[in-house]
Amino acid sequence: MASKNLQNIILLYKIILICGLCLVYSKAELPRFEHPIKPDGSLSILVVGDWGRRGAYNQTEVAAQMAKIGDQMDPDFIISTGDNFYEDGLTGIEDPAFEESFSNIYLGPSLQKQWYSVLGNHDYRGDVLAQLDPILGQKDSKWLCLRSFILNTDVAEFFFIDTTPFVDKYFFRPEDDKYDWRGVLPREEYLSNQLKDLDTALKESSSNWKIVVGHHTLKSAGDHGITVELEERLLPVLQENNVDLYVNGHDHCLEHISSPDSPLQFLTSGGGSKAWRGNVRPWSPEELKLYYDGQGFMTMKLTKYDVYIQFYDIVGDILHQWSRSKGLYSV
């Protein structure tokens, strides 16, 4: 399932953790993995976020529908947009929530593919290093979670980023919540290095499709709305480097917002369990292509020159679909 490159990096992380060291962000380039595409040159992906509730709030039903659609589309891998374990992440590598919210829920044969996951704010409320520990990958081989990394395929390049440390309120107005900032402090150095590494990787990418995945919303008509810190610091990097898609969770909905001034699309897949918050912010109908305040997931199909997005609800109905093509000589 995992490539040799992936296995080597997991082994390196295991050695680091065994030696009792925290993995601290450095000036080194982001970890890079390779994932094969189908023989016909296509890539199929399931995307789900905000899910880990031991099957409650229809998590089990969303998982079952993902498996059905997965049987039809044969996903190459699955992306989790974070908030993997509620309410407060994992307590450690032996926390039964890992099995009760992940291994015992996503049981369909089509879901036994590699999962590439990012951390959400709820994940930082627990033992954040537990989710990054390769021991979880030994317990369930489909699990992989890192703070930030690159996933390269022959048709698209995916840039996974750690968005939680950008948000000021988690540091300065945490209320009763406690966050595990091991590996993040000093904060400004961590954020600056992450943005620098992302910018460098995007500039060096020759992929026809550049897709950035993070937990927090950049643009959203949902409960959380715009994440101002990301709008100020991350969005300019995406726009400057002609990123095609920003994929996120955080808002418990399914959503598609287009940019008025660039090709960049904002896609929210945060309907993995608890949803139906009942509020939507005013937004230009020319930009807001979909807002569904309910449970479900997203699919992506890519070829070298085409991308095709679909959003599904809990019963498998297609709520919205969108596609874009780039010509043979597009850059």
C-alpha atoms as a PDB file:
ATOM      1  CA  MET A   1       0.000   0.000   0.000  1.00  0.00           C
ATOM      2  CA  ALA A   2       2.666   2.517   0.988  1.00  0.00           C
ATOM      3  CA  SER A   3       5.530   3.117  -1.392  1.00  0.00           C
ATOM      4  CA  LYS A   4       9.122   2.353  -0.466  1.00  0.00           C
ATOM      5  CA  ASN A   5       9.723   6.076  -0.047  1.00  0.00           C
ATOM      6  CA  LEU A   6       6.785   6.289   2.354  1.00  0.00           C
ATOM      7  CA  GLN A   7       8.035   3.301   4.348  1.00  0.00           C
ATOM      8  CA  ASN A   8      11.496   4.835   4.671  1.00  0.00           C
ATOM      9  CA  ILE A   9      10.140   8.119   5.992  1.00  0.00           C
ATOM     10  CA  ILE A  10       7.849   6.332   8.452  1.00  0.00           C
ATOM     11  CA  LEU A  11      10.894   4.389   9.681  1.00  0.00           C
ATOM     12  CA  LEU A  12      12.792   7.654  10.108  1.00  0.00           C
ATOM     13  CA  TYR A  13       9.936   9.125  12.157  1.00  0.00           C
ATOM     14  CA  LYS A  14       9.854   5.993  14.277  1.00  0.00           C
ATOM     15  CA  ILE A  15      13.568   6.343  15.056  1.00  0.00           C
ATOM     16  CA  ILE A  16      13.069  10.001  15.982  1.00  0.00           C
ATOM     17  CA  LEU A  17      10.218   9.174  18.349  1.00  0.00           C
ATOM     18  CA  ILE A  18      12.044   6.224  19.924  1.00  0.00           C
ATOM     19  CA  CYS A  19      14.975   8.536  20.641  1.00  0.00           C
ATOM     20  CA  GLY A  20      12.594  10.763  22.611  1.00  0.00           C
ATOM     21  CA  LEU A  21      12.848  13.729  20.260  1.00  0.00           C
ATOM     22  CA  CYS A  22      10.000  15.992  19.184  1.00  0.00           C
ATOM     23  CA  LEU A  23       9.824  16.428  15.440  1.00  0.00           C
ATOM     24  CA  VAL A  24      10.386  20.166  15.026  1.00  0.00           C
ATOM     25  CA  TYR A  25       9.797  22.000  11.783  1.00  0.00           C
ATOM     26  CA  SER A  26      13.098  22.968  10.168  1.00  0.00           C
ATOM     27  CA  LYS A  27      14.318  24.582   7.011  1.00  0.00           C
ATOM     28  CA  ALA A  28      14.529  21.172   5.365  1.00  0.00           C
ATOM     29  CA  GLU A  29      12.106  20.547   2.543  1.00  0.00           C
ATOM     30  CA  LEU A  30       8.767  18.925   3.258  1.00  0.00           C
ATOM     31  CA  PRO A  31       8.550  15.103   3.365  1.00  0.00           C
ATOM     32  CA  ARG A  32       7.598  13.871  -0.076  1.00  0.00           C
ATOM     33  CA  PHE A  33       5.668  10.717  -0.966  1.00  0.00           C
ATOM     34  CA  GLU A  34       4.828   9.133  -4.303  1.00  0.00           C
ATOM     35  CA  HIS A  35       1.533   7.451  -5.133  1.00  0.00           C
ATOM     36  CA  PRO A  36       0.842   5.552  -8.378  1.00  0.00           C
ATOM     37  CA  ILE A  37      -2.083   6.329 -10.655  1.00  0.00           C
ATOM     38  CA  LYS A  38      -4.289   3.897 -12.565  1.00  0.00           C
ATOM     39  CA  PRO A  39      -3.053   2.280 -15.783  1.00  0.00           C
ATOM     40  CA  ASP A  40      -5.493   4.461 -17.752  1.00  0.00           C
ATOM     41  CA  GLY A  41      -3.745   7.599 -16.456  1.00  0.00           C
ATOM     42  CA  SER A  42      -6.463   8.640 -14.006  1.00  0.00           C
ATOM     43  CA  LEU A  43      -6.529   9.212 -10.262  1.00  0.00           C
ATOM     44  CA  SER A  44      -9.606   8.768  -8.042  1.00  0.00           C
ATOM     45  CA  ILE A  45      -9.866  10.105  -4.486  1.00  0.00           C
ATOM     46  CA  LEU A  46     -12.374  10.190  -1.634  1.00  0.00           C
ATOM     47  CA  VAL A  47     -12.241  13.233   0.682  1.00  0.00           C
ATOM     48  CA  VAL A  48     -13.819  13.376   4.145  1.00  0.00           C
ATOM     49  CA  GLY A  49     -13.282  15.511   7.215  1.00  0.00           C
ATOM     50  CA  ASP A  50     -14.428  16.168  10.778  1.00  0.00           C
ATOM     51  CA  TRP A  51     -15.436  12.577  11.380  1.00  0.00           C
ATOM     52  CA  GLY A  52     -14.041  10.828  14.489  1.00  0.00           C
ATOM     53  CA  ARG A  53     -17.017  10.303  16.824  1.00  0.00           C
ATOM     54  CA  ARG A  54     -17.018   6.546  17.431  1.00  0.00           C
ATOM     55  CA  GLY A  55     -19.705   6.161  14.782  1.00  0.00           C
ATOM     56  CA  ALA A  56     -22.095   8.729  16.282  1.00  0.00           C
ATOM     57  CA  TYR A  57     -23.783  11.603  14.444  1.00  0.00           C
ATOM     58  CA  ASN A  58     -24.133   9.409  11.346  1.00  0.00           C
ATOM     59  CA  GLN A  59     -20.396   8.825  11.012  1.00  0.00           C
ATOM     60  CA  THR A  60     -21.099   5.135  10.365  1.00  0.00           C
ATOM     61  CA  GLU A  61     -23.685   5.990   7.717  1.00  0.00           C
ATOM     62  CA  VAL A  62     -21.321   8.383   5.927  1.00  0.00           C
ATOM     63  CA  ALA A  63     -18.627   5.689   5.989  1.00  0.00           C
ATOM     64  CA  ALA A  64     -21.029   3.143   4.506  1.00  0.00           C
ATOM     65  CA  GLN A  65     -21.956   5.484   1.681  1.00  0.00           C
ATOM     66  CA  MET A  66     -18.300   6.248   1.039  1.00  0.00           C
ATOM     67  CA  ALA A  67     -17.710   2.522   0.686  1.00  0.00           C
ATOM     68  CA  LYS A  68     -20.554   2.197  -1.842  1.00  0.00           C
ATOM     69  CA  ILE A  69     -19.305   5.060  -3.974  1.00  0.00           C
ATOM     70  CA  GLY A  70     -15.787   3.735  -3.507  1.00  0.00           C
ATOM     71  CA  ASP A  71     -16.844   0.391  -4.959  1.00  0.00           C
ATOM     72  CA  GLN A  72     -17.928   2.234  -8.086  1.00  0.00           C
ATOM     73  CA  MET A  73     -14.951   4.580  -8.480  1.00  0.00           C
ATOM     74  CA  ASP A  74     -12.107   2.441  -7.061  1.00  0.00           C
ATOM     75  CA  PRO A  75     -10.287   5.204  -5.118  1.00  0.00           C
ATOM     76  CA  ASP A  76      -6.526   5.260  -5.260  1.00  0.00           C
ATOM     77  CA  PHE A  77      -6.376   6.871  -1.817  1.00  0.00           C
ATOM     78  CA  ILE A  78      -8.435   8.816   0.710  1.00  0.00           C
ATOM     79  CA  ILE A  79      -7.817  12.292   2.100  1.00  0.00           C
ATOM     80  CA  SER A  80      -8.852  13.301   5.610  1.00  0.00           C
ATOM     81  CA  THR A  81      -9.111  17.056   6.106  1.00  0.00           C
ATOM     82  CA  GLY A  82      -8.613  16.849   9.882  1.00  0.00           C
ATOM     83  CA  ASP A  83     -10.468  16.805  13.190  1.00  0.00           C
ATOM     84  CA  ASN A  84      -9.896  13.086  13.077  1.00  0.00           C
ATOM     85  CA  PHE A  85     -10.813  12.367  16.705  1.00  0.00           C
ATOM     86  CA  TYR A  86     -13.350  14.295  18.788  1.00  0.00           C
ATOM     87  CA  GLU A  87     -13.592  16.053  21.084  1.00  0.00           C
ATOM     88  CA  ASP A  88     -10.001  16.207  22.254  1.00  0.00           C
ATOM     89  CA  GLY A  89      -7.852  14.164  19.880  1.00  0.00           C
ATOM     90  CA  LEU A  90      -6.212  10.995  21.161  1.00  0.00           C
ATOM     91  CA  THR A  91      -4.957  10.506  24.704  1.00  0.00           C
ATOM     92  CA  GLY A  92      -2.057   8.411  23.391  1.00  0.00           C
ATOM     93  CA  ILE A  93      -1.201   5.606  21.003  1.00  0.00           C
ATOM     94  CA  GLU A  94      -3.238   3.122  23.060  1.00  0.00           C
ATOM     95  CA  ASP A  95      -6.404   5.240  23.040  1.00  0.00           C
ATOM     96  CA  PRO A  96      -9.259   2.943  21.934  1.00  0.00           C
ATOM     97  CA  ALA A  97     -10.753   5.882  20.038  1.00  0.00           C
ATOM     98  CA  PHE A  98      -8.358   5.081  17.198  1.00  0.00           C
ATOM     99  CA  GLU A  99     -10.086   1.769  16.567  1.00  0.00           C
ATOM    100  CA  GLU A 100     -13.552   2.925  17.627  1.00  0.00           C
ATOM    101  CA  SER A 101     -13.552   6.019  15.408  1.00  0.00           C
ATOM    102  CA  PHE A 102     -11.386   4.821  12.509  1.00  0.00           C
ATOM    103  CA  SER A 103     -10.519   1.152  12.065  1.00  0.00           C
ATOM    104  CA  ASN A 104     -13.932  -0.149  13.146  1.00  0.00           C
ATOM    105  CA  ILE A 105     -15.866   2.421  11.110  1.00  0.00           C
ATOM    106  CA  TYR A 106     -14.257   2.535   7.675  1.00  0.00           C
ATOM    107  CA  LEU A 107     -14.652  -1.146   6.942  1.00  0.00           C
ATOM    108  CA  GLY A 108     -15.625  -1.281   3.274  1.00  0.00           C
ATOM    109  CA  PRO A 109     -13.127  -2.949   0.928  1.00  0.00           C
ATOM    110  CA  SER A 110     -12.793   0.228  -1.141  1.00  0.00           C
ATOM    111  CA  LEU A 111     -11.802   2.171   2.005  1.00  0.00           C
ATOM    112  CA  GLN A 112      -8.804  -0.067   2.720  1.00  0.00           C
ATOM    113  CA  LYS A 113      -6.553   2.232   0.755  1.00  0.00           C
ATOM    114  CA  GLN A 114      -3.904   4.627   2.020  1.00  0.00           C
ATOM    115  CA  TRP A 115      -5.374   7.506   4.032  1.00  0.00           C
ATOM    116  CA  TYR A 116      -3.434  10.777   3.941  1.00  0.00           C
ATOM    117  CA  SER A 117      -4.476  12.913   6.909  1.00  0.00           C
ATOM    118  CA  VAL A 118      -3.813  16.350   8.336  1.00  0.00           C
ATOM    119  CA  LEU A 119      -4.389  17.544  11.881  1.00  0.00           C
ATOM    120  CA  GLY A 120      -7.340  19.690  12.910  1.00  0.00           C
ATOM    121  CA  ASN A 121      -7.778  21.932  15.934  1.00  0.00           C
ATOM    122  CA  HIS A 122      -9.554  19.191  17.897  1.00  0.00           C
ATOM    123  CA  ASP A 123      -6.611  16.868  17.238  1.00  0.00           C
ATOM    124  CA  TYR A 124      -4.291  19.398  18.873  1.00  0.00           C
ATOM    125  CA  ARG A 125      -6.360  19.209  22.071  1.00  0.00           C
ATOM    126  CA  GLY A 126      -5.075  15.724  22.774  1.00  0.00           C
ATOM    127  CA  ASP A 127      -1.678  14.053  22.526  1.00  0.00           C
ATOM    128  CA  VAL A 128      -0.819  15.451  19.124  1.00  0.00           C
ATOM    129  CA  LEU A 129       2.245  13.222  18.726  1.00  0.00           C
ATOM    130  CA  ALA A 130       0.067  10.122  19.046  1.00  0.00           C
ATOM    131  CA  GLN A 131      -1.609  10.719  15.688  1.00  0.00           C
ATOM    132  CA  LEU A 132       1.807  11.214  14.097  1.00  0.00           C
ATOM    133  CA  ASP A 133       3.260   8.072  15.642  1.00  0.00           C
ATOM    134  CA  PRO A 134       4.005   5.292  13.098  1.00  0.00           C
ATOM    135  CA  ILE A 135       2.795   2.758  15.680  1.00  0.00           C
ATOM    136  CA  LEU A 136      -0.749   3.667  14.610  1.00  0.00           C
ATOM    137  CA  GLY A 137       0.230   2.714  11.069  1.00  0.00           C
ATOM    138  CA  GLN A 138       1.276  -0.676  12.398  1.00  0.00           C
ATOM    139  CA  LYS A 139      -2.108  -1.073  14.066  1.00  0.00           C
ATOM    140  CA  ASP A 140      -3.930  -0.070  10.880  1.00  0.00           C
ATOM    141  CA  SER A 141      -1.791   0.057   7.745  1.00  0.00           C
ATOM    142  CA  LYS A 142      -4.041   2.536   5.970  1.00  0.00           C
ATOM    143  CA  TRP A 143      -3.353   5.298   8.519  1.00  0.00           C
ATOM    144  CA  LEU A 144      -0.842   8.065   7.828  1.00  0.00           C
ATOM    145  CA  CYS A 145      -0.903  11.492   9.464  1.00  0.00           C
ATOM    146  CA  LEU A 146       1.832  14.112   9.326  1.00  0.00           C
ATOM    147  CA  ARG A 147       1.838  17.829  10.031  1.00  0.00           C
ATOM    148  CA  SER A 148       2.831  18.925   6.512  1.00  0.00           C
ATOM    149  CA  PHE A 149       3.982  16.933   3.506  1.00  0.00           C
ATOM    150  CA  ILE A 150       3.828  16.583  -0.263  1.00  0.00           C
ATOM    151  CA  LEU A 151       2.138  13.798  -2.183  1.00  0.00           C
ATOM    152  CA  ASN A 152       3.213  13.499  -5.792  1.00  0.00           C
ATOM    153  CA  THR A 153       1.403  11.618  -8.531  1.00  0.00           C
ATOM    154  CA  ASP A 154       1.834  11.606 -12.289  1.00  0.00           C
ATOM    155  CA  VAL A 155      -1.278  13.771 -12.771  1.00  0.00           C
ATOM    156  CA  ALA A 156      -1.366  16.080  -9.732  1.00  0.00           C
ATOM    157  CA  GLU A 157       0.684  17.220  -6.768  1.00  0.00           C
ATOM    158  CA  PHE A 158      -0.878  17.568  -3.313  1.00  0.00           C
ATOM    159  CA  PHE A 159       0.527  19.852  -0.621  1.00  0.00           C
ATOM    160  CA  PHE A 160      -0.741  19.040   2.878  1.00  0.00           C
ATOM    161  CA  ILE A 161      -0.309  21.839   5.416  1.00  0.00           C
ATOM    162  CA  ASP A 162      -0.760  22.254   9.156  1.00  0.00           C
ATOM    163  CA  THR A 163      -3.226  25.140   9.580  1.00  0.00           C
ATOM    164  CA  THR A 164      -4.089  25.018  13.300  1.00  0.00           C
ATOM    165  CA  PRO A 165      -0.935  26.843  14.507  1.00  0.00           C
ATOM    166  CA  PHE A 166      -1.836  29.820  12.300  1.00  0.00           C
ATOM    167  CA  VAL A 167      -4.966  30.625  14.316  1.00  0.00           C
ATOM    168  CA  ASP A 168      -4.360  33.202  17.050  1.00  0.00           C
ATOM    169  CA  LYS A 169      -7.297  32.338  19.304  1.00  0.00           C
ATOM    170  CA  TYR A 170      -5.956  28.872  20.082  1.00  0.00           C
ATOM    171  CA  PHE A 171      -2.900  30.528  21.630  1.00  0.00           C
ATOM    172  CA  PHE A 172      -4.322  33.715  23.133  1.00  0.00           C
ATOM    173  CA  ARG A 173      -8.014  32.906  23.786  1.00  0.00           C
ATOM    174  CA  PRO A 174      -8.178  29.138  24.320  1.00  0.00           C
ATOM    175  CA  GLU A 175     -10.917  29.398  26.986  1.00  0.00           C
ATOM    176  CA  ASP A 176     -11.158  25.981  28.656  1.00  0.00           C
ATOM    177  CA  ASP A 177      -9.370  24.108  25.868  1.00  0.00           C
ATOM    178  CA  LYS A 178      -5.765  22.967  26.168  1.00  0.00           C
ATOM    179  CA  TYR A 179      -3.576  22.493  23.121  1.00  0.00           C
ATOM    180  CA  ASP A 180      -0.493  20.350  22.652  1.00  0.00           C
ATOM    181  CA  TRP A 181       2.021  22.633  20.954  1.00  0.00           C
ATOM    182  CA  ARG A 182       4.974  20.243  21.073  1.00  0.00           C
ATOM    183  CA  GLY A 183       6.868  20.544  17.805  1.00  0.00           C
ATOM    184  CA  VAL A 184       5.280  23.907  16.992  1.00  0.00           C
ATOM    185  CA  LEU A 185       7.095  26.341  19.285  1.00  0.00           C
ATOM    186  CA  PRO A 186       8.569  28.820  18.681  1.00  0.00           C
ATOM    187  CA  ARG A 187       5.395  29.492  16.759  1.00  0.00           C
ATOM    188  CA  GLU A 188       6.505  32.223  14.353  1.00  0.00           C
ATOM    189  CA  GLU A 189       9.535  30.233  13.272  1.00  0.00           C
ATOM    190  CA  TYR A 190       7.334  27.202  12.652  1.00  0.00           C
ATOM    191  CA  LEU A 191       4.835  29.182  10.574  1.00  0.00           C
ATOM    192  CA  SER A 192       7.486  31.060   8.603  1.00  0.00           C
ATOM    193  CA  ASN A 193       9.313  27.857   7.727  1.00  0.00           C
ATOM    194  CA  GLN A 194       6.108  26.126   6.715  1.00  0.00           C
ATOM    195  CA  LEU A 195       5.106  28.972   4.402  1.00  0.00           C
ATOM    196  CA  LYS A 196       8.631  29.196   2.966  1.00  0.00           C
ATOM    197  CA  ASP A 197       8.793  25.449   2.314  1.00  0.00           C
ATOM    198  CA  LEU A 198       5.315  25.459   0.753  1.00  0.00           C
ATOM    199  CA  ASP A 199       6.175  28.414  -1.484  1.00  0.00           C
ATOM    200  CA  THR A 200       9.411  26.751  -2.612  1.00  0.00           C
ATOM    201  CA  ALA A 201       7.701  23.422  -3.308  1.00  0.00           C
ATOM    202  CA  LEU A 202       4.908  25.074  -5.297  1.00  0.00           C
ATOM    203  CA  LYS A 203       7.386  27.054  -7.373  1.00  0.00           C
ATOM    204  CA  GLU A 204       9.396  23.916  -8.108  1.00  0.00           C
ATOM    205  CA  SER A 205       6.326  21.884  -9.036  1.00  0.00           C
ATOM    206  CA  SER A 206       5.810  21.108 -12.716  1.00  0.00           C
ATOM    207  CA  SER A 207       2.463  19.410 -12.133  1.00  0.00           C
ATOM    208  CA  ASN A 208      -0.496  20.506 -14.213  1.00  0.00           C
ATOM    209  CA  TRP A 209      -2.684  20.406 -11.072  1.00  0.00           C
ATOM    210  CA  LYS A 210      -1.557  21.891  -7.755  1.00  0.00           C
ATOM    211  CA  ILE A 211      -3.837  21.054  -4.835  1.00  0.00           C
ATOM    212  CA  VAL A 212      -3.347  22.294  -1.271  1.00  0.00           C
ATOM    213  CA  VAL A 213      -5.038  20.472   1.628  1.00  0.00           C
ATOM    214  CA  GLY A 214      -5.495  21.946   5.093  1.00  0.00           C
ATOM    215  CA  HIS A 215      -7.993  21.714   7.913  1.00  0.00           C
ATOM    216  CA  HIS A 216      -9.156  25.288   8.311  1.00  0.00           C
ATOM    217  CA  THR A 217     -11.351  27.213   5.927  1.00  0.00           C
ATOM    218  CA  LEU A 218      -9.939  29.946   3.746  1.00  0.00           C
ATOM    219  CA  LYS A 219     -13.296  30.967   2.297  1.00  0.00           C
ATOM    220  CA  SER A 220     -16.533  29.677   3.794  1.00  0.00           C
ATOM    221  CA  ALA A 221     -20.138  30.728   4.264  1.00  0.00           C
ATOM    222  CA  GLY A 222     -20.382  28.300   7.172  1.00  0.00           C
ATOM    223  CA  ASP A 223     -20.182  28.623  10.924  1.00  0.00           C
ATOM    224  CA  HIS A 224     -16.451  29.352  11.072  1.00  0.00           C
ATOM    225  CA  GLY A 225     -16.343  31.542   7.996  1.00  0.00           C
ATOM    226  CA  ILE A 226     -13.078  33.022   6.736  1.00  0.00           C
ATOM    227  CA  THR A 227      -9.932  32.183   8.689  1.00  0.00           C
ATOM    228  CA  VAL A 228      -8.370  35.641   8.724  1.00  0.00           C
ATOM    229  CA  GLU A 229      -4.852  34.437   9.542  1.00  0.00           C
ATOM    230  CA  LEU A 230      -4.870  32.101   6.544  1.00  0.00           C
ATOM    231  CA  GLU A 231      -6.362  34.751   4.301  1.00  0.00           C
ATOM    232  CA  GLU A 232      -3.519  37.085   5.234  1.00  0.00           C
ATOM    233  CA  ARG A 233      -0.594  34.649   5.138  1.00  0.00           C
ATOM    234  CA  LEU A 234      -1.501  31.532   3.143  1.00  0.00           C
ATOM    235  CA  LEU A 235      -3.808  32.814   0.416  1.00  0.00           C
ATOM    236  CA  PRO A 236      -1.174  35.050  -1.231  1.00  0.00           C
ATOM    237  CA  VAL A 237       1.148  32.045  -1.522  1.00  0.00           C
ATOM    238  CA  LEU A 238      -1.576  29.998  -3.224  1.00  0.00           C
ATOM    239  CA  GLN A 239      -2.504  32.777  -5.622  1.00  0.00           C
ATOM    240  CA  GLU A 240       1.083  33.619  -6.535  1.00  0.00           C
ATOM    241  CA  ASN A 241       1.783  29.965  -7.371  1.00  0.00           C
ATOM    242  CA  ASN A 242      -1.374  29.316  -9.387  1.00  0.00           C
ATOM    243  CA  VAL A 243      -2.812  26.699  -7.043  1.00  0.00           C
ATOM    244  CA  ASP A 244      -5.932  25.125  -8.527  1.00  0.00           C
ATOM    245  CA  LEU A 245      -7.774  23.809  -5.465  1.00  0.00           C
ATOM    246  CA  TYR A 246      -7.723  24.463  -1.735  1.00  0.00           C
ATOM    247  CA  VAL A 247      -9.392  21.530   0.048  1.00  0.00           C
ATOM    248  CA  ASN A 248     -10.362  21.782   3.723  1.00  0.00           C
ATOM    249  CA  GLY A 249     -12.694  20.728   6.514  1.00  0.00           C
ATOM    250  CA  HIS A 250     -13.411  22.610   9.788  1.00  0.00           C
ATOM    251  CA  ASP A 251     -16.871  23.811   8.805  1.00  0.00           C
ATOM    252  CA  HIS A 252     -19.179  20.804   9.150  1.00  0.00           C
ATOM    253  CA  CYS A 253     -20.667  21.095   5.706  1.00  0.00           C
ATOM    254  CA  LEU A 254     -20.065  20.497   2.025  1.00  0.00           C
ATOM    255  CA  GLU A 255     -19.192  23.618   0.101  1.00  0.00           C
ATOM    256  CA  HIS A 256     -17.739  25.001  -3.110  1.00  0.00           C
ATOM    257  CA  ILE A 257     -16.700  28.639  -3.497  1.00  0.00           C
ATOM    258  CA  SER A 258     -15.038  29.987  -6.627  1.00  0.00           C
ATOM    259  CA  SER A 259     -12.599  32.890  -6.757  1.00  0.00           C
ATOM    260  CA  PRO A 260     -13.726  36.097  -8.439  1.00  0.00           C
ATOM    261  CA  ASP A 261     -10.164  37.002  -9.449  1.00  0.00           C
ATOM    262  CA  SER A 262      -8.299  33.714 -10.000  1.00  0.00           C
ATOM    263  CA  PRO A 263      -8.864  30.070 -11.032  1.00  0.00           C
ATOM    264  CA  LEU A 264      -8.493  28.973  -7.374  1.00  0.00           C
ATOM    265  CA  GLN A 265     -11.444  26.957  -6.047  1.00  0.00           C
ATOM    266  CA  PHE A 266     -12.260  26.500  -2.348  1.00  0.00           C
ATOM    267  CA  LEU A 267     -13.708  23.064  -1.532  1.00  0.00           C
ATOM    268  CA  THR A 268     -14.943  22.132   1.946  1.00  0.00           C
ATOM    269  CA  SER A 269     -15.478  18.494   2.877  1.00  0.00           C
ATOM    270  CA  GLY A 270     -16.228  18.588   6.596  1.00  0.00           C
ATOM    271  CA  GLY A 271     -19.419  16.534   6.735  1.00  0.00           C
ATOM    272  CA  GLY A 272     -17.979  13.285   8.085  1.00  0.00           C
ATOM    273  CA  SER A 273     -20.221  13.207  11.167  1.00  0.00           C
ATOM    274  CA  LYS A 274     -21.824  15.989  13.226  1.00  0.00           C
ATOM    275  CA  ALA A 275     -23.399  18.650  11.017  1.00  0.00           C
ATOM    276  CA  TRP A 276     -26.671  20.564  10.567  1.00  0.00           C
ATOM    277  CA  ARG A 277     -25.582  23.724  12.398  1.00  0.00           C
ATOM    278  CA  GLY A 278     -28.361  25.661  10.719  1.00  0.00           C
ATOM    279  CA  ASN A 279     -26.578  28.856   9.755  1.00  0.00           C
ATOM    280  CA  VAL A 280     -25.095  30.205   6.554  1.00  0.00           C
ATOM    281  CA  ARG A 281     -23.376  33.531   6.048  1.00  0.00           C
ATOM    282  CA  PRO A 282     -24.398  35.827   3.192  1.00  0.00           C
ATOM    283  CA  TRP A 283     -22.226  35.178   0.143  1.00  0.00           C
ATOM    284  CA  SER A 284     -22.228  36.180  -3.480  1.00  0.00           C
ATOM    285  CA  PRO A 285     -24.263  33.617  -5.456  1.00  0.00           C
ATOM    286  CA  GLU A 286     -21.775  34.029  -8.302  1.00  0.00           C
ATOM    287  CA  GLU A 287     -19.064  32.593  -6.040  1.00  0.00           C
ATOM    288  CA  LEU A 288     -21.022  30.189  -3.798  1.00  0.00           C
ATOM    289  CA  LYS A 289     -21.633  27.187  -6.021  1.00  0.00           C
ATOM    290  CA  LEU A 290     -22.671  24.819  -3.219  1.00  0.00           C
ATOM    291  CA  TYR A 291     -23.484  25.111   0.439  1.00  0.00           C
ATOM    292  CA  TYR A 292     -24.934  22.001   2.069  1.00  0.00           C
ATOM    293  CA  ASP A 293     -25.319  22.139   5.827  1.00  0.00           C
ATOM    294  CA  GLY A 294     -25.270  18.391   6.265  1.00  0.00           C
ATOM    295  CA  GLN A 295     -23.286  15.196   6.222  1.00  0.00           C
ATOM    296  CA  GLY A 296     -21.474  13.703   3.284  1.00  0.00           C
ATOM    297  CA  PHE A 297     -18.161  13.646   1.444  1.00  0.00           C
ATOM    298  CA  MET A 298     -16.423  14.643  -1.760  1.00  0.00           C
ATOM    299  CA  THR A 299     -14.820  12.753  -4.613  1.00  0.00           C
ATOM    300  CA  MET A 300     -12.141  13.825  -7.048  1.00  0.00           C
ATOM    301  CA  LYS A 301     -11.148  12.317 -10.350  1.00  0.00           C
ATOM    302  CA  LEU A 302      -8.125  13.693 -12.154  1.00  0.00           C
ATOM    303  CA  THR A 303      -6.257  13.083 -15.342  1.00  0.00           C
ATOM    304  CA  LYS A 304      -3.314  15.091 -16.579  1.00  0.00           C
ATOM    305  CA  TYR A 305      -5.642  17.601 -18.231  1.00  0.00           C
ATOM    306  CA  ASP A 306      -8.979  17.251 -16.409  1.00  0.00           C
ATOM    307  CA  VAL A 307     -10.385  17.445 -12.888  1.00  0.00           C
ATOM    308  CA  TYR A 308     -13.892  16.359 -11.917  1.00  0.00           C
ATOM    309  CA  ILE A 309     -15.388  17.017  -8.469  1.00  0.00           C
ATOM    310  CA  GLN A 310     -18.568  15.569  -6.951  1.00  0.00           C
ATOM    311  CA  PHE A 311     -20.204  16.071  -3.557  1.00  0.00           C
ATOM    312  CA  TYR A 312     -22.395  13.301  -2.108  1.00  0.00           C
ATOM    313  CA  ASP A 313     -24.875  13.344   0.750  1.00  0.00           C
ATOM    314  CA  ILE A 314     -25.449  10.583   3.270  1.00  0.00           C
ATOM    315  CA  VAL A 315     -27.776   8.597   1.001  1.00  0.00           C
ATOM    316  CA  GLY A 316     -25.500   8.801  -2.017  1.00  0.00           C
ATOM    317  CA  ASP A 317     -27.258  11.554  -3.949  1.00  0.00           C
ATOM    318  CA  ILE A 318     -25.010  13.898  -5.909  1.00  0.00           C
ATOM    319  CA  LEU A 319     -25.440  17.410  -4.531  1.00  0.00           C
ATOM    320  CA  HIS A 320     -23.065  19.223  -6.854  1.00  0.00           C
ATOM    321  CA  GLN A 321     -20.492  18.548  -9.518  1.00  0.00           C
ATOM    322  CA  TRP A 322     -17.837  20.692 -11.136  1.00  0.00           C
ATOM    323  CA  SER A 323     -15.125  20.139 -13.691  1.00  0.00           C
ATOM    324  CA  ARG A 324     -12.268  21.958 -15.337  1.00  0.00           C
ATOM    325  CA  SER A 325      -9.974  21.132 -18.210  1.00  0.00           C
ATOM    326  CA  LYS A 326      -6.551  22.413 -19.110  1.00  0.00           C
ATOM    327  CA  GLY A 327      -5.381  22.222 -22.663  1.00  0.00           C
ATOM    328  CA  LEU A 328      -2.449  20.185 -23.799  1.00  0.00           C
ATOM    329  CA  TYR A 329      -0.160  23.204 -23.610  1.00  0.00           C
ATOM    330  CA  SER A 330      -1.499  24.743 -20.394  1.00  0.00           C
ATOM    331  CA  VAL A 331       0.952  25.515 -17.610  1.00  0.00           C
END
